[in-house]
Amino acid sequence: LIVTDGKDFFSEEKRDTHHFTETMGDGIPA
């Protein structure tokens, strides 16, 4: 996602955020 207010704020999800990734459960590829 690209997030903007249409004026002065532009944010690219992969570059402008802290990421926290976890699996939904052991052995589940989700």
PDB file of all heavy atoms in Angstrom:
ATOM      1  N   LEU A   1       0.839  -1.198   0.000  1.00  0.00           N
ATOM      2  CA  LEU A   1       0.000   0.000   0.000  1.00  0.00           C
ATOM      3  C   LEU A   1       0.876   1.251   0.000  1.00  0.00           C
ATOM      4  O   LEU A   1       1.945   1.273   0.602  1.00  0.00           O
ATOM      5  CB  LEU A   1      -0.902   0.024   1.233  1.00  0.00           C
ATOM      6  CG  LEU A   1      -1.896  -1.133   1.363  1.00  0.00           C
ATOM      7  CD1 LEU A   1      -2.667  -1.017   2.666  1.00  0.00           C
ATOM      8  CD2 LEU A   1      -2.835  -1.186   0.182  1.00  0.00           C
ATOM      9  N   ILE A   2       0.390   2.257  -0.684  1.00  0.00           N
ATOM     10  CA  ILE A   2       0.975   3.600  -0.631  1.00  0.00           C
ATOM     11  C   ILE A   2      -0.054   4.462   0.096  1.00  0.00           C
ATOM     12  O   ILE A   2      -1.233   4.456  -0.259  1.00  0.00           O
ATOM     13  CB  ILE A   2       1.221   4.173  -2.044  1.00  0.00           C
ATOM     14  CG1 ILE A   2       2.144   3.267  -2.856  1.00  0.00           C
ATOM     15  CG2 ILE A   2       1.743   5.598  -1.969  1.00  0.00           C
ATOM     16  CD1 ILE A   2       3.556   3.160  -2.352  1.00  0.00           C
ATOM     17  N   VAL A   3       0.375   5.180   1.110  1.00  0.00           N
ATOM     18  CA  VAL A   3      -0.536   6.000   1.912  1.00  0.00           C
ATOM     19  C   VAL A   3      -0.173   7.462   1.701  1.00  0.00           C
ATOM     20  O   VAL A   3       0.995   7.845   1.813  1.00  0.00           O
ATOM     21  CB  VAL A   3      -0.429   5.631   3.411  1.00  0.00           C
ATOM     22  CG1 VAL A   3      -1.377   6.494   4.240  1.00  0.00           C
ATOM     23  CG2 VAL A   3      -0.716   4.146   3.620  1.00  0.00           C
ATOM     24  N   THR A   4      -1.186   8.281   1.404  1.00  0.00           N
ATOM     25  CA  THR A   4      -0.951   9.706   1.193  1.00  0.00           C
ATOM     26  C   THR A   4      -2.176  10.506   1.635  1.00  0.00           C
ATOM     27  O   THR A   4      -3.286   9.982   1.684  1.00  0.00           O
ATOM     28  CB  THR A   4      -0.632  10.017  -0.286  1.00  0.00           C
ATOM     29  OG1 THR A   4      -0.366  11.412  -0.440  1.00  0.00           O
ATOM     30  CG2 THR A   4      -1.764   9.603  -1.206  1.00  0.00           C
ATOM     31  N   ASP A   5      -1.948  11.770   1.946  1.00  0.00           N
ATOM     32  CA  ASP A   5      -3.075  12.658   2.226  1.00  0.00           C
ATOM     33  C   ASP A   5      -3.395  13.508   0.996  1.00  0.00           C
ATOM     34  O   ASP A   5      -4.261  14.362   1.035  1.00  0.00           O
ATOM     35  CB  ASP A   5      -2.797  13.542   3.449  1.00  0.00           C
ATOM     36  CG  ASP A   5      -1.642  14.511   3.243  1.00  0.00           C
ATOM     37  OD1 ASP A   5      -1.050  14.545   2.141  1.00  0.00           O
ATOM     38  OD2 ASP A   5      -1.323  15.245   4.198  1.00  0.00           O
ATOM     39  N   GLY A   6      -2.666  13.273  -0.099  1.00  0.00           N
ATOM     40  CA  GLY A   6      -2.908  14.020  -1.332  1.00  0.00           C
ATOM     41  C   GLY A   6      -2.209  15.365  -1.383  1.00  0.00           C
ATOM     42  O   GLY A   6      -2.284  16.060  -2.381  1.00  0.00           O
ATOM     43  N   LYS A   7      -1.497  15.718  -0.305  1.00  0.00           N
ATOM     44  CA  LYS A   7      -0.809  17.019  -0.268  1.00  0.00           C
ATOM     45  C   LYS A   7       0.657  16.847   0.121  1.00  0.00           C
ATOM     46  O   LYS A   7       1.530  16.871  -0.720  1.00  0.00           O
ATOM     47  CB  LYS A   7      -1.503  17.967   0.704  1.00  0.00           C
ATOM     48  CG  LYS A   7      -2.914  18.312   0.329  1.00  0.00           C
ATOM     49  CD  LYS A   7      -3.518  19.246   1.342  1.00  0.00           C
ATOM     50  CE  LYS A   7      -4.899  18.734   1.685  1.00  0.00           C
ATOM     51  NZ  LYS A   7      -5.440  19.209   2.880  1.00  0.00           N
ATOM     52  N   ASP A   8       0.908  16.717   1.431  1.00  0.00           N
ATOM     53  CA  ASP A   8       2.303  16.684   1.901  1.00  0.00           C
ATOM     54  C   ASP A   8       2.761  15.362   2.505  1.00  0.00           C
ATOM     55  O   ASP A   8       3.901  15.250   2.874  1.00  0.00           O
ATOM     56  CB  ASP A   8       2.605  17.780   2.926  1.00  0.00           C
ATOM     57  CG  ASP A   8       1.440  18.586   3.412  1.00  0.00           C
ATOM     58  OD1 ASP A   8       0.385  18.480   2.848  1.00  0.00           O
ATOM     59  OD2 ASP A   8       1.608  19.344   4.359  1.00  0.00           O
ATOM     60  N   PHE A   9       1.876  14.393   2.623  1.00  0.00           N
ATOM     61  CA  PHE A   9       2.290  13.129   3.238  1.00  0.00           C
ATOM     62  C   PHE A   9       2.242  12.009   2.203  1.00  0.00           C
ATOM     63  O   PHE A   9       1.231  11.794   1.531  1.00  0.00           O
ATOM     64  CB  PHE A   9       1.375  12.774   4.419  1.00  0.00           C
ATOM     65  CG  PHE A   9       1.742  11.488   5.091  1.00  0.00           C
ATOM     66  CD1 PHE A   9       2.869  11.404   5.897  1.00  0.00           C
ATOM     67  CD2 PHE A   9       0.976  10.354   4.904  1.00  0.00           C
ATOM     68  CE1 PHE A   9       3.225  10.209   6.518  1.00  0.00           C
ATOM     69  CE2 PHE A   9       1.315   9.152   5.518  1.00  0.00           C
ATOM     70  CZ  PHE A   9       2.441   9.089   6.321  1.00  0.00           C
ATOM     71  N   PHE A  10       3.366  11.288   2.073  1.00  0.00           N
ATOM     72  CA  PHE A  10       3.477  10.139   1.179  1.00  0.00           C
ATOM     73  C   PHE A  10       4.277   9.078   1.904  1.00  0.00           C
ATOM     74  O   PHE A  10       5.370   9.338   2.409  1.00  0.00           O
ATOM     75  CB  PHE A  10       4.203  10.543  -0.116  1.00  0.00           C
ATOM     76  CG  PHE A  10       4.378   9.399  -1.071  1.00  0.00           C
ATOM     77  CD1 PHE A  10       3.428   9.142  -2.043  1.00  0.00           C
ATOM     78  CD2 PHE A  10       5.493   8.575  -0.999  1.00  0.00           C
ATOM     79  CE1 PHE A  10       3.586   8.092  -2.923  1.00  0.00           C
ATOM     80  CE2 PHE A  10       5.657   7.517  -1.878  1.00  0.00           C
ATOM     81  CZ  PHE A  10       4.703   7.269  -2.848  1.00  0.00           C
ATOM     82  N   SER A  11       3.722   7.868   1.981  1.00  0.00           N
ATOM     83  CA  SER A  11       4.380   6.805   2.730  1.00  0.00           C
ATOM     84  C   SER A  11       4.261   5.490   1.971  1.00  0.00           C
ATOM     85  O   SER A  11       3.157   5.066   1.615  1.00  0.00           O
ATOM     86  CB  SER A  11       3.719   6.679   4.112  1.00  0.00           C
ATOM     87  OG  SER A  11       4.300   5.641   4.856  1.00  0.00           O
ATOM     88  N   GLU A  12       5.404   4.848   1.713  1.00  0.00           N
ATOM     89  CA  GLU A  12       5.432   3.549   1.065  1.00  0.00           C
ATOM     90  C   GLU A  12       5.534   2.485   2.154  1.00  0.00           C
ATOM     91  O   GLU A  12       6.451   2.507   2.969  1.00  0.00           O
ATOM     92  CB  GLU A  12       6.621   3.464   0.109  1.00  0.00           C
ATOM     93  CG  GLU A  12       6.659   2.185  -0.674  1.00  0.00           C
ATOM     94  CD  GLU A  12       7.832   2.113  -1.629  1.00  0.00           C
ATOM     95  OE1 GLU A  12       8.667   3.034  -1.663  1.00  0.00           O
ATOM     96  OE2 GLU A  12       7.914   1.099  -2.329  1.00  0.00           O
ATOM     97  N   GLU A  13       4.589   1.563   2.153  1.00  0.00           N
ATOM     98  CA  GLU A  13       4.475   0.591   3.232  1.00  0.00           C
ATOM     99  C   GLU A  13       5.785  -0.145   3.519  1.00  0.00           C
ATOM    100  O   GLU A  13       6.187  -0.286   4.669  1.00  0.00           O
ATOM    101  CB  GLU A  13       3.364  -0.402   2.890  1.00  0.00           C
ATOM    102  CG  GLU A  13       3.060  -1.395   3.971  1.00  0.00           C
ATOM    103  CD  GLU A  13       1.940  -2.337   3.601  1.00  0.00           C
ATOM    104  OE1 GLU A  13       1.479  -2.331   2.432  1.00  0.00           O
ATOM    105  OE2 GLU A  13       1.511  -3.081   4.491  1.00  0.00           O
ATOM    106  N   LYS A  14       6.487  -0.637   2.495  1.00  0.00           N
ATOM    107  CA  LYS A  14       7.683  -1.444   2.749  1.00  0.00           C
ATOM    108  C   LYS A  14       8.872  -0.611   3.229  1.00  0.00           C
ATOM    109  O   LYS A  14       9.788  -1.146   3.832  1.00  0.00           O
ATOM    110  CB  LYS A  14       8.074  -2.262   1.516  1.00  0.00           C
ATOM    111  CG  LYS A  14       8.675  -1.467   0.386  1.00  0.00           C
ATOM    112  CD  LYS A  14       9.070  -2.386  -0.746  1.00  0.00           C
ATOM    113  CE  LYS A  14       9.593  -1.579  -1.909  1.00  0.00           C
ATOM    114  NZ  LYS A  14       9.941  -2.435  -3.044  1.00  0.00           N
ATOM    115  N   ARG A  15       8.879   0.670   2.964  1.00  0.00           N
ATOM    116  CA  ARG A  15      10.029   1.517   3.331  1.00  0.00           C
ATOM    117  C   ARG A  15       9.789   2.381   4.568  1.00  0.00           C
ATOM    118  O   ARG A  15      10.726   2.743   5.256  1.00  0.00           O
ATOM    119  CB  ARG A  15      10.397   2.434   2.171  1.00  0.00           C
ATOM    120  CG  ARG A  15      10.809   1.715   0.927  1.00  0.00           C
ATOM    121  CD  ARG A  15      11.299   2.687  -0.136  1.00  0.00           C
ATOM    122  NE  ARG A  15      11.333   2.099  -1.447  1.00  0.00           N
ATOM    123  CZ  ARG A  15      12.210   1.199  -1.875  1.00  0.00           C
ATOM    124  NH1 ARG A  15      13.139   0.772  -1.071  1.00  0.00           N
ATOM    125  NH2 ARG A  15      12.145   0.723  -3.101  1.00  0.00           N
ATOM    126  N   ASP A  16       8.536   2.741   4.818  1.00  0.00           N
ATOM    127  CA  ASP A  16       8.237   3.748   5.835  1.00  0.00           C
ATOM    128  C   ASP A  16       7.479   3.204   7.042  1.00  0.00           C
ATOM    129  O   ASP A  16       6.733   3.939   7.693  1.00  0.00           O
ATOM    130  CB  ASP A  16       7.443   4.900   5.196  1.00  0.00           C
ATOM    131  CG  ASP A  16       8.220   5.558   4.058  1.00  0.00           C
ATOM    132  OD1 ASP A  16       9.439   5.732   4.205  1.00  0.00           O
ATOM    133  OD2 ASP A  16       7.601   5.886   3.024  1.00  0.00           O
ATOM    134  N   THR A  17       7.662   1.909   7.340  1.00  0.00           N
ATOM    135  CA  THR A  17       7.007   1.313   8.511  1.00  0.00           C
ATOM    136  C   THR A  17       7.964   0.372   9.235  1.00  0.00           C
ATOM    137  O   THR A  17       8.935  -0.108   8.660  1.00  0.00           O
ATOM    138  CB  THR A  17       5.748   0.497   8.114  1.00  0.00           C
ATOM    139  OG1 THR A  17       6.118  -0.591   7.273  1.00  0.00           O
ATOM    140  CG2 THR A  17       4.710   1.355   7.425  1.00  0.00           C
ATOM    141  N   HIS A  18       7.662   0.136  10.507  1.00  0.00           N
ATOM    142  CA  HIS A  18       8.289  -0.961  11.266  1.00  0.00           C
ATOM    143  C   HIS A  18       7.434  -2.184  10.994  1.00  0.00           C
ATOM    144  O   HIS A  18       6.206  -2.106  11.044  1.00  0.00           O
ATOM    145  CB  HIS A  18       8.297  -0.668  12.771  1.00  0.00           C
ATOM    146  CG  HIS A  18       9.242   0.400  13.189  1.00  0.00           C
ATOM    147  ND1 HIS A  18      10.601   0.267  13.104  1.00  0.00           N
ATOM    148  CD2 HIS A  18       9.006   1.629  13.694  1.00  0.00           C
ATOM    149  CE1 HIS A  18      11.174   1.362  13.544  1.00  0.00           C
ATOM    150  NE2 HIS A  18      10.222   2.220  13.909  1.00  0.00           N
ATOM    151  N   HIS A  19       8.057  -3.333  10.725  1.00  0.00           N
ATOM    152  CA  HIS A  19       7.337  -4.544  10.346  1.00  0.00           C
ATOM    153  C   HIS A  19       7.424  -5.589  11.451  1.00  0.00           C
ATOM    154  O   HIS A  19       8.507  -5.835  11.986  1.00  0.00           O
ATOM    155  CB  HIS A  19       7.927  -5.149   9.070  1.00  0.00           C
ATOM    156  CG  HIS A  19       8.378  -4.148   8.064  1.00  0.00           C
ATOM    157  ND1 HIS A  19       7.509  -3.307   7.409  1.00  0.00           N
ATOM    158  CD2 HIS A  19       9.607  -3.834   7.616  1.00  0.00           C
ATOM    159  CE1 HIS A  19       8.199  -2.534   6.595  1.00  0.00           C
ATOM    160  NE2 HIS A  19       9.470  -2.826   6.710  1.00  0.00           N
ATOM    161  N   PHE A  20       6.296  -6.211  11.744  1.00  0.00           N
ATOM    162  CA  PHE A  20       6.230  -7.306  12.705  1.00  0.00           C
ATOM    163  C   PHE A  20       5.521  -8.472  12.004  1.00  0.00           C
ATOM    164  O   PHE A  20       4.343  -8.357  11.676  1.00  0.00           O
ATOM    165  CB  PHE A  20       5.479  -6.880  13.966  1.00  0.00           C
ATOM    166  CG  PHE A  20       6.057  -5.639  14.591  1.00  0.00           C
ATOM    167  CD1 PHE A  20       5.527  -4.391  14.306  1.00  0.00           C
ATOM    168  CD2 PHE A  20       7.148  -5.729  15.441  1.00  0.00           C
ATOM    169  CE1 PHE A  20       6.067  -3.242  14.861  1.00  0.00           C
ATOM    170  CE2 PHE A  20       7.699  -4.580  16.008  1.00  0.00           C
ATOM    171  CZ  PHE A  20       7.159  -3.341  15.718  1.00  0.00           C
ATOM    172  N   THR A  21       6.245  -9.554  11.755  1.00  0.00           N
ATOM    173  CA  THR A  21       5.711 -10.698  11.011  1.00  0.00           C
ATOM    174  C   THR A  21       5.743 -11.926  11.893  1.00  0.00           C
ATOM    175  O   THR A  21       6.749 -12.217  12.530  1.00  0.00           O
ATOM    176  CB  THR A  21       6.551 -10.961   9.738  1.00  0.00           C
ATOM    177  OG1 THR A  21       6.560  -9.775   8.930  1.00  0.00           O
ATOM    178  CG2 THR A  21       5.987 -12.114   8.930  1.00  0.00           C
ATOM    179  N   GLU A  22       4.625 -12.663  11.928  1.00  0.00           N
ATOM    180  CA  GLU A  22       4.582 -13.916  12.666  1.00  0.00           C
ATOM    181  C   GLU A  22       3.681 -14.904  11.937  1.00  0.00           C
ATOM    182  O   GLU A  22       2.788 -14.500  11.186  1.00  0.00           O
ATOM    183  CB  GLU A  22       4.104 -13.706  14.100  1.00  0.00           C
ATOM    184  CG  GLU A  22       2.745 -13.055  14.218  1.00  0.00           C
ATOM    185  CD  GLU A  22       2.415 -12.661  15.646  1.00  0.00           C
ATOM    186  OE1 GLU A  22       3.205 -12.946  16.564  1.00  0.00           O
ATOM    187  OE2 GLU A  22       1.350 -12.065  15.845  1.00  0.00           O
ATOM    188  N   THR A  23       3.933 -16.188  12.148  1.00  0.00           N
ATOM    189  CA  THR A  23       3.072 -17.206  11.554  1.00  0.00           C
ATOM    190  C   THR A  23       1.792 -17.309  12.376  1.00  0.00           C
ATOM    191  O   THR A  23       1.764 -16.943  13.547  1.00  0.00           O
ATOM    192  CB  THR A  23       3.760 -18.584  11.499  1.00  0.00           C
ATOM    193  OG1 THR A  23       4.092 -18.981  12.825  1.00  0.00           O
ATOM    194  CG2 THR A  23       5.006 -18.551  10.633  1.00  0.00           C
ATOM    195  N   MET A  24       0.746 -17.830  11.748  1.00  0.00           N
ATOM    196  CA  MET A  24      -0.535 -17.989  12.445  1.00  0.00           C
ATOM    197  C   MET A  24      -0.516 -19.197  13.375  1.00  0.00           C
ATOM    198  O   MET A  24      -1.411 -19.348  14.194  1.00  0.00           O
ATOM    199  CB  MET A  24      -1.665 -18.091  11.447  1.00  0.00           C
ATOM    200  CG  MET A  24      -1.929 -16.793  10.740  1.00  0.00           C
ATOM    201  SD  MET A  24      -3.381 -16.971   9.708  1.00  0.00           S
ATOM    202  CE  MET A  24      -3.816 -15.270   9.447  1.00  0.00           C
ATOM    203  N   GLY A  25       0.493 -20.041  13.235  1.00  0.00           N
ATOM    204  CA  GLY A  25       0.622 -21.205  14.105  1.00  0.00           C
ATOM    205  C   GLY A  25       1.743 -22.096  13.609  1.00  0.00           C
ATOM    206  O   GLY A  25       2.180 -21.979  12.461  1.00  0.00           O
ATOM    207  N   ASP A  26       2.228 -22.974  14.454  1.00  0.00           N
ATOM    208  CA  ASP A  26       3.310 -23.876  14.076  1.00  0.00           C
ATOM    209  C   ASP A  26       2.904 -24.734  12.880  1.00  0.00           C
ATOM    210  O   ASP A  26       1.839 -25.358  12.888  1.00  0.00           O
ATOM    211  CB  ASP A  26       3.692 -24.793  15.245  1.00  0.00           C
ATOM    212  CG  ASP A  26       4.393 -24.034  16.358  1.00  0.00           C
ATOM    213  OD1 ASP A  26       4.889 -22.920  16.100  1.00  0.00           O
ATOM    214  OD2 ASP A  26       4.446 -24.566  17.482  1.00  0.00           O
ATOM    215  N   GLY A  27       3.747 -24.753  11.863  1.00  0.00           N
ATOM    216  CA  GLY A  27       3.502 -25.578  10.689  1.00  0.00           C
ATOM    217  C   GLY A  27       2.436 -25.061   9.746  1.00  0.00           C
ATOM    218  O   GLY A  27       2.087 -25.729   8.781  1.00  0.00           O
ATOM    219  N   ILE A  28       1.917 -23.862   9.993  1.00  0.00           N
ATOM    220  CA  ILE A  28       0.881 -23.281   9.121  1.00  0.00           C
ATOM    221  C   ILE A  28       1.541 -22.200   8.262  1.00  0.00           C
ATOM    222  O   ILE A  28       2.049 -21.220   8.791  1.00  0.00           O
ATOM    223  CB  ILE A  28      -0.267 -22.668   9.943  1.00  0.00           C
ATOM    224  CG1 ILE A  28      -0.924 -23.731  10.811  1.00  0.00           C
ATOM    225  CG2 ILE A  28      -1.296 -22.020   9.019  1.00  0.00           C
ATOM    226  CD1 ILE A  28      -1.945 -23.195  11.777  1.00  0.00           C
ATOM    227  N   PRO A  29       1.528 -22.369   6.927  1.00  0.00           N
ATOM    228  CA  PRO A  29       2.181 -21.393   6.050  1.00  0.00           C
ATOM    229  C   PRO A  29       1.299 -20.165   5.799  1.00  0.00           C
ATOM    230  O   PRO A  29       0.989 -19.807   4.673  1.00  0.00           O
ATOM    231  CB  PRO A  29       2.426 -22.186   4.773  1.00  0.00           C
ATOM    232  CG  PRO A  29       1.305 -23.166   4.746  1.00  0.00           C
ATOM    233  CD  PRO A  29       1.012 -23.503   6.179  1.00  0.00           C
ATOM    234  N   ALA A  30       0.847 -19.541   6.873  1.00  0.00           N
ATOM    235  CA  ALA A  30       0.027 -18.335   6.813  1.00  0.00           C
ATOM    236  C   ALA A  30       0.622 -17.332   7.802  1.00  0.00           C
ATOM    237  O   ALA A  30       1.212 -17.719   8.806  1.00  0.00           O
ATOM    238  CB  ALA A  30      -1.412 -18.657   7.178  1.00  0.00           C
TER     239      ALA A  30
END
